[in-house]
Amino acid sequence: MSCRTFFDACTQKTEVTLSNCKVTENRASFMISSRNQVQFEKIKFDECQCPISKPLEKRCDWIIHSISNNTLYFIELKGADIVKALEQLENSVKIVRPKKKFECHIVKSSGAGGIPSFSTKFQVVKKKIVGLGGDIFKPHSSTHTINI
């Protein structure tokens, strides 16, 4: 299923036109900022009842689709378990199978960033994500904004 079909099938999406699109959870937040009005679709993916995903599958918190720049953003807002965040992002990409540009972001609200198993796991997941045409970024602290 392509991501376009995914967004068409999902009844739990919110469509908004804003200059900033922000998601927040557990003292962590992620914002996409633009100088112009941008059309976004966003889905609380870990609570989504979409038919392409099994109810107990571990998924990222949010997927934001910037319609204006045709990019998907997979977002995981995490306390401290960033290794688990990588697994959730990787699984979410496998579920959606995007056919357009996409990025994966982790925003952590607390905890140590230097988890020994993280570095190796990150490199393995990054290779898979890049192979699918996307990109993944190292964890950001508590609040992160990207400009499009």
N, C-alpha and C. Protein backbone atom coordinates (compact mmCIF):
# COMPACT_ATOMS: atom_id res chain seq x y z
N MET A 1 0.85 -1.18 0.00
CA MET A 1 0.00 0.00 0.00
C MET A 1 0.89 1.23 0.00
N SER A 2 0.64 2.16 -0.86
CA SER A 2 1.43 3.39 -0.89
C SER A 2 0.96 4.32 0.21
N CYS A 3 1.80 5.30 0.56
CA CYS A 3 1.40 6.22 1.62
C CYS A 3 0.20 7.07 1.18
N ARG A 4 0.06 7.34 -0.11
CA ARG A 4 -1.12 8.11 -0.55
C ARG A 4 -2.38 7.32 -0.25
N THR A 5 -2.34 6.02 -0.55
CA THR A 5 -3.48 5.17 -0.24
C THR A 5 -3.69 5.11 1.26
N PHE A 6 -2.60 5.06 2.01
CA PHE A 6 -2.69 5.04 3.47
C PHE A 6 -3.43 6.28 3.98
N PHE A 7 -3.03 7.45 3.52
CA PHE A 7 -3.68 8.66 4.00
C PHE A 7 -5.12 8.76 3.51
N ASP A 8 -5.40 8.25 2.31
CA ASP A 8 -6.78 8.23 1.82
C ASP A 8 -7.64 7.31 2.67
N ALA A 9 -7.08 6.17 3.11
CA ALA A 9 -7.84 5.17 3.86
C ALA A 9 -8.02 5.54 5.33
N CYS A 10 -7.12 6.32 5.86
CA CYS A 10 -7.17 6.63 7.29
C CYS A 10 -8.26 7.65 7.58
N THR A 11 -9.16 7.27 8.45
CA THR A 11 -10.26 8.17 8.82
C THR A 11 -9.92 9.01 10.04
N GLN A 12 -8.77 8.77 10.64
CA GLN A 12 -8.41 9.48 11.86
C GLN A 12 -7.40 10.59 11.63
N LYS A 13 -7.23 11.01 10.38
CA LYS A 13 -6.28 12.07 10.10
C LYS A 13 -6.92 13.43 10.35
N THR A 14 -6.09 14.39 10.62
CA THR A 14 -6.51 15.77 10.75
C THR A 14 -5.83 16.54 9.64
N GLU A 15 -6.58 17.33 8.90
CA GLU A 15 -5.99 18.13 7.83
C GLU A 15 -6.07 19.59 8.22
N VAL A 16 -4.93 20.26 8.18
CA VAL A 16 -4.87 21.66 8.58
C VAL A 16 -3.97 22.43 7.62
N THR A 17 -4.21 23.72 7.52
CA THR A 17 -3.33 24.61 6.77
C THR A 17 -2.80 25.64 7.75
N LEU A 18 -1.51 25.58 8.00
CA LEU A 18 -0.86 26.41 9.01
C LEU A 18 0.53 26.80 8.55
N SER A 19 1.14 27.72 9.28
CA SER A 19 2.55 27.98 9.03
C SER A 19 3.42 27.14 9.97
N ASN A 20 2.83 26.61 11.04
CA ASN A 20 3.53 25.73 11.97
C ASN A 20 2.65 24.53 12.29
N CYS A 21 3.23 23.35 12.26
CA CYS A 21 2.51 22.14 12.65
C CYS A 21 3.29 21.52 13.81
N LYS A 22 2.66 21.44 14.99
CA LYS A 22 3.36 21.00 16.19
C LYS A 22 2.65 19.81 16.81
N VAL A 23 3.44 18.84 17.29
CA VAL A 23 2.91 17.71 18.06
C VAL A 23 3.70 17.64 19.36
N THR A 24 3.00 17.29 20.45
CA THR A 24 3.61 17.27 21.78
C THR A 24 3.13 16.05 22.55
N GLU A 25 4.03 15.49 23.34
CA GLU A 25 3.70 14.36 24.20
C GLU A 25 4.83 14.18 25.20
N ASN A 26 4.49 13.92 26.46
CA ASN A 26 5.49 13.61 27.49
C ASN A 26 6.64 14.62 27.54
N ARG A 27 6.34 15.89 27.56
CA ARG A 27 7.33 16.96 27.65
C ARG A 27 8.29 17.01 26.45
N ALA A 28 7.95 16.34 25.37
CA ALA A 28 8.74 16.41 24.14
C ALA A 28 7.85 16.98 23.05
N SER A 29 8.43 17.81 22.19
CA SER A 29 7.62 18.36 21.10
C SER A 29 8.45 18.48 19.82
N PHE A 30 7.73 18.41 18.72
CA PHE A 30 8.33 18.50 17.39
C PHE A 30 7.47 19.46 16.58
N MET A 31 8.12 20.39 15.88
CA MET A 31 7.36 21.36 15.10
C MET A 31 7.98 21.51 13.71
N ILE A 32 7.11 21.58 12.72
CA ILE A 32 7.51 21.92 11.36
C ILE A 32 7.08 23.36 11.15
N SER A 33 8.01 24.21 10.81
CA SER A 33 7.74 25.63 10.67
C SER A 33 7.99 26.08 9.23
N SER A 34 7.13 26.97 8.76
CA SER A 34 7.26 27.50 7.41
C SER A 34 6.93 28.99 7.42
N ARG A 35 7.54 29.72 6.53
CA ARG A 35 7.22 31.15 6.40
C ARG A 35 5.85 31.34 5.76
N ASN A 36 5.42 30.34 5.01
CA ASN A 36 4.15 30.41 4.30
C ASN A 36 3.15 29.43 4.89
N GLN A 37 1.90 29.59 4.51
CA GLN A 37 0.87 28.63 4.90
C GLN A 37 1.14 27.31 4.18
N VAL A 38 1.10 26.21 4.91
CA VAL A 38 1.39 24.89 4.37
C VAL A 38 0.23 23.97 4.73
N GLN A 39 -0.14 23.11 3.81
CA GLN A 39 -1.20 22.15 4.08
C GLN A 39 -0.57 20.88 4.65
N PHE A 40 -1.07 20.45 5.82
CA PHE A 40 -0.57 19.26 6.50
C PHE A 40 -1.70 18.28 6.74
N GLU A 41 -1.36 17.00 6.73
CA GLU A 41 -2.22 15.95 7.27
C GLU A 41 -1.42 15.34 8.41
N LYS A 42 -2.06 15.11 9.55
CA LYS A 42 -1.32 14.46 10.63
C LYS A 42 -2.18 13.37 11.26
N ILE A 43 -1.49 12.32 11.68
CA ILE A 43 -2.15 11.15 12.25
C ILE A 43 -1.43 10.77 13.54
N LYS A 44 -2.19 10.57 14.60
CA LYS A 44 -1.65 10.01 15.84
C LYS A 44 -1.52 8.51 15.58
N PHE A 45 -0.40 8.11 15.00
CA PHE A 45 -0.25 6.79 14.40
C PHE A 45 -0.27 5.66 15.42
N ASP A 46 0.26 5.89 16.62
CA ASP A 46 0.26 4.80 17.60
C ASP A 46 -1.13 4.49 18.14
N GLU A 47 -2.10 5.35 17.86
CA GLU A 47 -3.49 5.11 18.28
C GLU A 47 -4.42 4.89 17.08
N CYS A 48 -3.86 4.91 15.89
CA CYS A 48 -4.64 4.82 14.66
C CYS A 48 -5.28 3.45 14.49
N GLN A 49 -6.52 3.42 14.03
CA GLN A 49 -7.24 2.18 13.76
C GLN A 49 -7.22 1.83 12.28
N CYS A 50 -6.24 2.33 11.56
CA CYS A 50 -6.15 2.08 10.12
C CYS A 50 -6.01 0.60 9.82
N PRO A 51 -6.64 0.13 8.75
CA PRO A 51 -6.66 -1.30 8.45
C PRO A 51 -5.32 -1.89 8.03
N ILE A 52 -4.33 -1.08 7.70
CA ILE A 52 -3.06 -1.64 7.25
C ILE A 52 -2.14 -2.04 8.39
N SER A 53 -2.55 -1.79 9.62
CA SER A 53 -1.70 -2.08 10.77
C SER A 53 -2.45 -2.93 11.78
N LYS A 54 -1.74 -3.86 12.38
CA LYS A 54 -2.33 -4.68 13.43
C LYS A 54 -2.40 -3.86 14.71
N PRO A 55 -3.42 -4.06 15.54
CA PRO A 55 -3.62 -3.24 16.74
C PRO A 55 -2.44 -3.21 17.71
N LEU A 56 -1.70 -4.29 17.87
CA LEU A 56 -0.63 -4.32 18.86
C LEU A 56 0.76 -4.04 18.27
N GLU A 57 0.83 -3.70 17.00
CA GLU A 57 2.13 -3.38 16.40
C GLU A 57 2.69 -2.10 17.03
N LYS A 58 3.96 -2.12 17.34
CA LYS A 58 4.62 -0.93 17.88
C LYS A 58 4.84 0.06 16.75
N ARG A 59 4.32 1.27 16.94
CA ARG A 59 4.40 2.29 15.90
C ARG A 59 4.88 3.61 16.49
N CYS A 60 5.32 4.50 15.64
CA CYS A 60 5.72 5.82 16.11
C CYS A 60 4.49 6.61 16.54
N ASP A 61 4.73 7.71 17.26
CA ASP A 61 3.62 8.51 17.78
C ASP A 61 2.84 9.21 16.68
N TRP A 62 3.53 9.86 15.77
CA TRP A 62 2.87 10.71 14.78
C TRP A 62 3.44 10.48 13.38
N ILE A 63 2.60 10.66 12.39
CA ILE A 63 3.04 10.82 11.01
C ILE A 63 2.42 12.12 10.52
N ILE A 64 3.28 13.00 10.04
CA ILE A 64 2.83 14.27 9.48
C ILE A 64 3.16 14.26 8.00
N HIS A 65 2.19 14.59 7.18
CA HIS A 65 2.39 14.68 5.73
C HIS A 65 2.31 16.15 5.35
N SER A 66 3.42 16.69 4.91
CA SER A 66 3.42 18.05 4.38
C SER A 66 3.04 17.94 2.91
N ILE A 67 1.79 18.26 2.63
CA ILE A 67 1.28 18.15 1.26
C ILE A 67 2.02 19.12 0.35
N SER A 68 2.33 20.29 0.87
CA SER A 68 2.99 21.33 0.08
C SER A 68 4.37 20.92 -0.42
N ASN A 69 5.14 20.21 0.40
CA ASN A 69 6.47 19.79 -0.08
C ASN A 69 6.56 18.28 -0.27
N ASN A 70 5.40 17.60 -0.23
CA ASN A 70 5.29 16.17 -0.55
C ASN A 70 6.27 15.31 0.25
N THR A 71 6.31 15.54 1.56
CA THR A 71 7.22 14.82 2.45
C THR A 71 6.45 14.27 3.64
N LEU A 72 6.80 13.05 4.04
CA LEU A 72 6.26 12.45 5.26
C LEU A 72 7.28 12.59 6.38
N TYR A 73 6.79 12.89 7.58
CA TYR A 73 7.64 12.97 8.77
C TYR A 73 7.12 11.95 9.78
N PHE A 74 7.95 10.95 10.09
CA PHE A 74 7.63 9.97 11.12
C PHE A 74 8.25 10.48 12.41
N ILE A 75 7.43 10.68 13.44
CA ILE A 75 7.88 11.32 14.67
C ILE A 75 7.68 10.39 15.86
N GLU A 76 8.73 10.20 16.65
CA GLU A 76 8.61 9.47 17.91
C GLU A 76 9.04 10.40 19.03
N LEU A 77 8.10 10.71 19.92
CA LEU A 77 8.36 11.55 21.09
C LEU A 77 8.57 10.60 22.26
N LYS A 78 9.75 10.61 22.85
CA LYS A 78 10.14 9.56 23.78
C LYS A 78 10.65 10.13 25.08
N GLY A 79 10.44 9.38 26.16
CA GLY A 79 11.03 9.72 27.45
C GLY A 79 12.53 9.51 27.38
N ALA A 80 12.99 8.28 27.53
CA ALA A 80 14.42 8.02 27.50
C ALA A 80 14.81 6.81 26.67
N ASP A 81 13.90 5.91 26.39
CA ASP A 81 14.23 4.65 25.72
C ASP A 81 14.34 4.85 24.21
N ILE A 82 15.48 5.41 23.79
CA ILE A 82 15.62 5.75 22.38
C ILE A 82 15.90 4.54 21.49
N VAL A 83 16.36 3.44 22.08
CA VAL A 83 16.51 2.21 21.29
C VAL A 83 15.13 1.72 20.87
N LYS A 84 14.17 1.77 21.80
CA LYS A 84 12.79 1.40 21.47
C LYS A 84 12.22 2.36 20.42
N ALA A 85 12.58 3.64 20.52
CA ALA A 85 12.11 4.62 19.54
C ALA A 85 12.55 4.25 18.13
N LEU A 86 13.78 3.78 18.00
CA LEU A 86 14.27 3.35 16.68
C LEU A 86 13.43 2.20 16.14
N GLU A 87 13.11 1.24 17.00
CA GLU A 87 12.30 0.10 16.59
C GLU A 87 10.91 0.55 16.14
N GLN A 88 10.33 1.50 16.87
CA GLN A 88 9.00 2.00 16.51
C GLN A 88 9.03 2.72 15.17
N LEU A 89 10.05 3.53 14.93
CA LEU A 89 10.17 4.23 13.66
C LEU A 89 10.37 3.25 12.51
N GLU A 90 11.27 2.29 12.71
CA GLU A 90 11.53 1.31 11.66
C GLU A 90 10.26 0.53 11.32
N ASN A 91 9.53 0.10 12.33
CA ASN A 91 8.30 -0.65 12.11
C ASN A 91 7.25 0.21 11.40
N SER A 92 7.15 1.47 11.77
CA SER A 92 6.17 2.38 11.14
C SER A 92 6.45 2.55 9.65
N VAL A 93 7.72 2.68 9.31
CA VAL A 93 8.10 2.81 7.89
C VAL A 93 7.73 1.53 7.14
N LYS A 94 7.95 0.38 7.78
CA LYS A 94 7.59 -0.90 7.14
C LYS A 94 6.08 -1.01 6.91
N ILE A 95 5.29 -0.50 7.85
CA ILE A 95 3.83 -0.56 7.73
C ILE A 95 3.35 0.33 6.58
N VAL A 96 3.81 1.57 6.55
CA VAL A 96 3.32 2.55 5.58
C VAL A 96 3.96 2.36 4.20
N ARG A 97 5.20 1.94 4.15
CA ARG A 97 5.95 1.77 2.90
C ARG A 97 5.84 3.01 2.01
N PRO A 98 6.38 4.13 2.46
CA PRO A 98 6.23 5.37 1.71
C PRO A 98 6.86 5.32 0.33
N LYS A 99 6.18 5.96 -0.60
CA LYS A 99 6.66 6.05 -1.98
C LYS A 99 7.13 7.46 -2.30
N LYS A 100 7.27 8.28 -1.27
CA LYS A 100 7.73 9.66 -1.45
C LYS A 100 8.81 9.93 -0.42
N LYS A 101 9.38 11.10 -0.49
CA LYS A 101 10.43 11.51 0.45
C LYS A 101 9.89 11.41 1.88
N PHE A 102 10.74 10.90 2.78
CA PHE A 102 10.33 10.86 4.18
C PHE A 102 11.53 11.03 5.11
N GLU A 103 11.22 11.48 6.31
CA GLU A 103 12.22 11.68 7.36
C GLU A 103 11.71 11.06 8.65
N CYS A 104 12.63 10.56 9.46
CA CYS A 104 12.29 10.01 10.77
C CYS A 104 12.99 10.84 11.84
N HIS A 105 12.24 11.24 12.87
CA HIS A 105 12.79 12.07 13.94
C HIS A 105 12.43 11.48 15.29
N ILE A 106 13.39 11.50 16.21
CA ILE A 106 13.16 11.14 17.61
C ILE A 106 13.39 12.41 18.43
N VAL A 107 12.45 12.72 19.30
CA VAL A 107 12.63 13.82 20.25
C VAL A 107 12.50 13.21 21.63
N LYS A 108 13.56 13.31 22.43
CA LYS A 108 13.52 12.72 23.76
C LYS A 108 13.36 13.81 24.81
N SER A 109 12.51 13.52 25.79
CA SER A 109 12.22 14.52 26.81
C SER A 109 13.17 14.43 28.00
N SER A 110 13.80 13.27 28.22
CA SER A 110 14.67 13.13 29.38
C SER A 110 15.61 11.95 29.17
N GLY A 111 16.40 11.69 30.18
CA GLY A 111 17.26 10.51 30.17
C GLY A 111 18.57 10.74 29.47
N ALA A 112 19.46 9.79 29.67
CA ALA A 112 20.79 9.87 29.08
C ALA A 112 20.73 9.56 27.59
N GLY A 113 21.53 10.25 26.83
CA GLY A 113 21.57 10.00 25.39
C GLY A 113 22.60 8.96 25.00
N GLY A 114 23.57 8.71 25.87
CA GLY A 114 24.66 7.80 25.54
C GLY A 114 24.37 6.36 25.88
N ILE A 115 23.40 5.75 25.24
CA ILE A 115 23.08 4.36 25.48
C ILE A 115 23.97 3.53 24.56
N PRO A 116 24.81 2.62 25.11
CA PRO A 116 25.78 1.90 24.28
C PRO A 116 25.17 1.19 23.07
N SER A 117 24.06 0.53 23.23
CA SER A 117 23.48 -0.22 22.11
C SER A 117 22.84 0.70 21.07
N PHE A 118 22.64 1.96 21.41
CA PHE A 118 21.96 2.87 20.50
C PHE A 118 22.77 3.13 19.23
N SER A 119 24.05 3.40 19.39
CA SER A 119 24.88 3.78 18.25
C SER A 119 24.88 2.70 17.16
N THR A 120 25.05 1.45 17.56
CA THR A 120 25.04 0.35 16.60
C THR A 120 23.67 0.19 15.97
N LYS A 121 22.64 0.20 16.79
CA LYS A 121 21.27 0.05 16.31
C LYS A 121 20.92 1.20 15.35
N PHE A 122 21.33 2.41 15.71
CA PHE A 122 21.06 3.57 14.87
C PHE A 122 21.65 3.38 13.47
N GLN A 123 22.90 2.92 13.39
CA GLN A 123 23.55 2.73 12.10
C GLN A 123 22.83 1.68 11.25
N VAL A 124 22.37 0.60 11.88
CA VAL A 124 21.65 -0.46 11.17
C VAL A 124 20.33 0.08 10.63
N VAL A 125 19.57 0.78 11.48
CA VAL A 125 18.27 1.33 11.07
C VAL A 125 18.47 2.41 10.01
N LYS A 126 19.48 3.27 10.18
CA LYS A 126 19.73 4.34 9.20
C LYS A 126 19.98 3.74 7.82
N LYS A 127 20.75 2.67 7.75
CA LYS A 127 21.04 2.04 6.47
C LYS A 127 19.75 1.55 5.81
N LYS A 128 18.85 0.96 6.59
CA LYS A 128 17.58 0.47 6.05
C LYS A 128 16.71 1.63 5.56
N ILE A 129 16.61 2.67 6.39
CA ILE A 129 15.77 3.83 6.06
C ILE A 129 16.29 4.52 4.80
N VAL A 130 17.60 4.73 4.72
CA VAL A 130 18.19 5.37 3.54
C VAL A 130 17.97 4.50 2.30
N GLY A 131 18.07 3.19 2.46
CA GLY A 131 17.81 2.26 1.36
C GLY A 131 16.39 2.34 0.83
N LEU A 132 15.47 2.79 1.68
CA LEU A 132 14.07 2.96 1.27
C LEU A 132 13.78 4.36 0.74
N GLY A 133 14.81 5.21 0.69
CA GLY A 133 14.64 6.55 0.14
C GLY A 133 14.37 7.62 1.18
N GLY A 134 14.55 7.30 2.45
CA GLY A 134 14.29 8.26 3.51
C GLY A 134 15.55 8.67 4.23
N ASP A 135 15.36 9.33 5.36
CA ASP A 135 16.47 9.73 6.20
C ASP A 135 16.01 9.66 7.65
N ILE A 136 16.95 9.43 8.54
CA ILE A 136 16.66 9.41 9.97
C ILE A 136 17.72 10.26 10.65
N PHE A 137 17.29 11.00 11.66
CA PHE A 137 18.18 11.92 12.34
C PHE A 137 18.41 11.46 13.77
N LYS A 138 19.60 11.73 14.30
CA LYS A 138 19.90 11.38 15.70
C LYS A 138 18.92 12.12 16.60
N PRO A 139 18.70 11.58 17.81
CA PRO A 139 17.68 12.16 18.70
C PRO A 139 17.92 13.64 19.00
N HIS A 140 16.83 14.36 19.03
CA HIS A 140 16.83 15.77 19.40
C HIS A 140 16.40 15.86 20.86
N SER A 141 16.77 16.92 21.54
CA SER A 141 16.38 17.11 22.94
C SER A 141 15.08 17.88 23.06
N SER A 142 14.24 17.45 23.91
CA SER A 142 12.93 17.97 24.35
C SER A 142 12.07 18.74 23.34
N THR A 143 12.60 19.74 22.68
CA THR A 143 11.83 20.49 21.69
C THR A 143 12.68 20.61 20.43
N HIS A 144 12.09 20.28 19.29
CA HIS A 144 12.85 20.37 18.05
C HIS A 144 11.96 20.98 16.97
N THR A 145 12.53 21.90 16.21
CA THR A 145 11.82 22.55 15.12
C THR A 145 12.63 22.40 13.84
N ILE A 146 11.94 22.04 12.76
CA ILE A 146 12.58 22.05 11.45
C ILE A 146 11.87 23.09 10.58
N ASN A 147 12.60 23.70 9.70
CA ASN A 147 12.04 24.70 8.79
C ASN A 147 11.95 24.12 7.39
N ILE A 148 10.80 24.31 6.78
CA ILE A 148 10.63 23.84 5.41
C ILE A 148 10.33 25.01 4.49
